[in-house]
Protein backbone atom coordinates (compact mmCIF):
# COMPACT_ATOMS: atom_id res chain seq x y z
CA MET A 1 -14.27 -1.00 -16.12
CA ARG A 2 -11.97 -3.99 -15.81
CA ALA A 3 -12.76 -7.04 -13.74
CA ALA A 4 -10.27 -8.18 -11.15
CA PRO A 5 -9.94 -11.28 -9.06
CA VAL A 6 -12.33 -11.73 -6.19
CA PRO A 7 -10.64 -11.02 -2.87
CA CYS A 8 -8.62 -13.95 -1.61
CA ASP A 9 -9.95 -15.44 1.63
CA GLU A 10 -6.53 -16.87 2.52
CA PRO A 11 -4.48 -14.18 4.24
CA ASP A 12 -0.70 -14.14 4.30
CA THR A 13 -0.17 -16.10 1.08
CA PHE A 14 1.09 -15.46 -2.42
CA ALA A 15 -2.52 -15.76 -3.64
CA ALA A 16 -3.59 -12.91 -1.34
CA TRP A 17 -0.69 -10.71 -2.48
CA GLU A 18 -1.47 -11.50 -6.12
CA ALA A 19 -5.15 -10.62 -5.65
CA ILE A 20 -4.19 -7.29 -4.07
CA VAL A 21 -1.73 -6.35 -6.82
CA LEU A 22 -4.08 -7.40 -9.63
CA SER A 23 -6.88 -5.38 -8.02
CA GLN A 24 -4.60 -2.36 -7.83
CA ILE A 25 -3.59 -2.75 -11.47
CA ALA A 26 -7.27 -2.86 -12.47
CA ASP A 27 -8.02 0.21 -10.35
CA LEU A 28 -5.15 2.20 -11.85
CA ALA A 29 -6.20 1.21 -15.38
CA ASP A 30 -9.77 2.36 -14.63
CA ILE A 31 -8.47 5.61 -13.14
CA SER A 32 -6.25 6.25 -16.17
CA ASP A 33 -9.21 5.68 -18.52
CA GLN A 34 -10.74 8.83 -16.99
CA GLY A 35 -7.87 10.99 -18.25
CA PRO A 36 -5.13 12.93 -16.48
CA LEU A 37 -5.26 13.08 -12.69
CA ASP A 38 -6.54 16.23 -11.10
CA PRO A 39 -3.91 17.68 -8.72
CA GLN A 40 -6.48 17.24 -5.93
CA ALA A 41 -6.37 13.45 -6.47
CA TYR A 42 -3.36 13.24 -4.17
CA PHE A 43 -5.69 14.17 -1.30
CA GLY A 44 -7.56 10.92 -2.01
CA LEU A 45 -9.47 9.52 -4.95
CA ASP A 46 -11.92 6.63 -5.18
CA ALA A 47 -11.37 4.20 -8.05
CA PRO A 48 -14.39 4.17 -10.40
CA ARG A 49 -15.80 0.69 -9.66
CA PRO A 50 -19.32 -0.50 -10.29
CA ASP A 51 -21.20 -1.27 -7.05
CA HIS A 52 -21.19 -5.01 -7.73
CA CYS A 53 -17.44 -5.12 -8.38
CA ARG A 54 -15.42 -6.94 -5.70
CA ARG A 55 -11.69 -6.40 -5.51
CA ALA A 56 -9.10 -7.26 -2.90
CA THR A 57 -8.50 -3.63 -1.89
CA SER A 58 -10.52 -0.58 -0.94
CA ARG A 59 -11.50 1.95 -3.60
CA ARG A 60 -9.50 4.77 -1.98
CA TRP A 61 -6.13 5.79 -3.46
CA TYR A 62 -3.60 8.36 -2.27
CA ASN A 63 -0.36 7.37 -4.00
CA PHE A 64 -0.20 7.21 -7.79
CA GLY A 65 3.54 7.33 -8.47
CA VAL A 66 5.92 4.43 -7.92
CA GLY A 67 8.07 6.41 -5.48
CA ALA A 68 5.13 7.51 -3.33
CA TYR A 69 3.60 4.01 -3.43
CA LEU A 70 6.84 2.38 -2.23
CA GLU A 71 7.65 5.08 0.33
CA CYS A 72 4.18 5.06 1.87
CA GLY A 73 3.96 1.28 1.65
CA THR A 74 7.20 0.95 3.58
CA ALA A 75 6.34 3.65 6.12
CA GLY A 76 2.88 2.24 6.71
CA THR A 77 4.10 -1.33 7.02
CA LEU A 78 7.40 -1.02 8.85
CA GLY A 79 6.76 2.19 10.77
CA GLY A 80 8.05 5.73 10.60
CA TRP A 81 11.76 5.15 10.69
CA ASP A 82 14.81 6.40 8.81
CA GLU A 83 17.80 4.24 8.19
CA ASP A 84 21.29 5.36 9.11
CA ASP A 85 24.10 2.93 8.31
CA GLY A 86 21.69 -0.01 8.39
CA VAL A 87 20.24 0.92 11.78
CA ARG A 88 16.65 2.13 12.14
CA ILE A 89 16.20 5.46 13.92
CA PRO A 90 12.95 7.30 14.76
CA VAL A 91 11.83 10.09 12.46
CA PRO A 92 10.63 13.38 13.96
CA GLY A 93 6.94 14.06 14.27
CA PRO A 94 3.87 11.95 14.98
CA VAL A 95 3.81 8.44 13.53
CA VAL A 96 1.00 5.89 13.72
CA SER A 97 2.43 2.39 13.97
CA LEU A 98 0.57 -0.61 12.58
CA PHE A 99 2.91 -3.03 14.39
CA ASP A 100 5.00 -3.04 17.56
CA GLU A 101 7.98 -0.80 16.92
CA PRO A 102 11.48 -2.08 17.60
CA GLU A 103 13.70 -0.03 19.87
CA PRO A 104 15.89 2.64 18.21
CA GLY A 105 19.15 1.13 17.09
CA THR A 106 17.56 -2.17 16.05
CA LEU A 107 18.77 -3.43 12.69
CA ALA A 108 16.38 -3.23 9.75
CA PRO A 109 14.27 -6.37 9.14
CA GLY A 110 15.53 -9.14 6.88
CA ALA A 111 13.32 -11.20 4.58
CA LEU A 112 9.66 -10.21 4.33
CA GLY A 113 6.87 -12.79 4.32
CA TRP A 114 3.70 -12.68 2.24
CA ASP A 115 1.82 -11.11 5.14
CA VAL A 116 4.21 -8.14 5.17
CA LEU A 117 4.17 -7.85 1.37
CA CYS A 118 0.34 -7.80 1.44
CA GLU A 119 0.42 -5.00 4.00
CA LEU A 120 3.08 -3.12 2.00
CA ALA A 121 0.84 -3.22 -1.09
CA ARG A 122 -2.21 -2.05 0.85
CA CYS A 123 -0.27 0.75 2.56
CA GLY A 124 1.28 1.77 -0.76
CA GLN A 125 -2.22 2.53 -1.98
CA GLU A 126 -3.82 3.95 1.16
CA TYR A 127 -1.14 5.31 3.51
CA GLU A 128 -0.91 9.11 3.47
């Protein structure tokens, strides 16, 4: 088991984002030490942490590939939207929004702050 930084008590900063990403790297290294993933892992897997281990994220993982991590991170952070010619449009089906959703036809967001990047990292790990 690898140690990771203690969770950062300062939200919305580079330090918080760094703590989250380093915790996720440690989790994935610990998971990989156990051998190949079981196909059932994509239904949710807890990282093998000792009880006294404190990391900046939860133990639960759903997305192990880069594509799934980024897709779910984006969907969980920015909402369930598709982009068509730079304009966000609703996707079909039920979507749980973590933030107020802009009206259809609103342009995609510009620069992302540390608070959004922290949420993107968390959702990349945990959003199904």
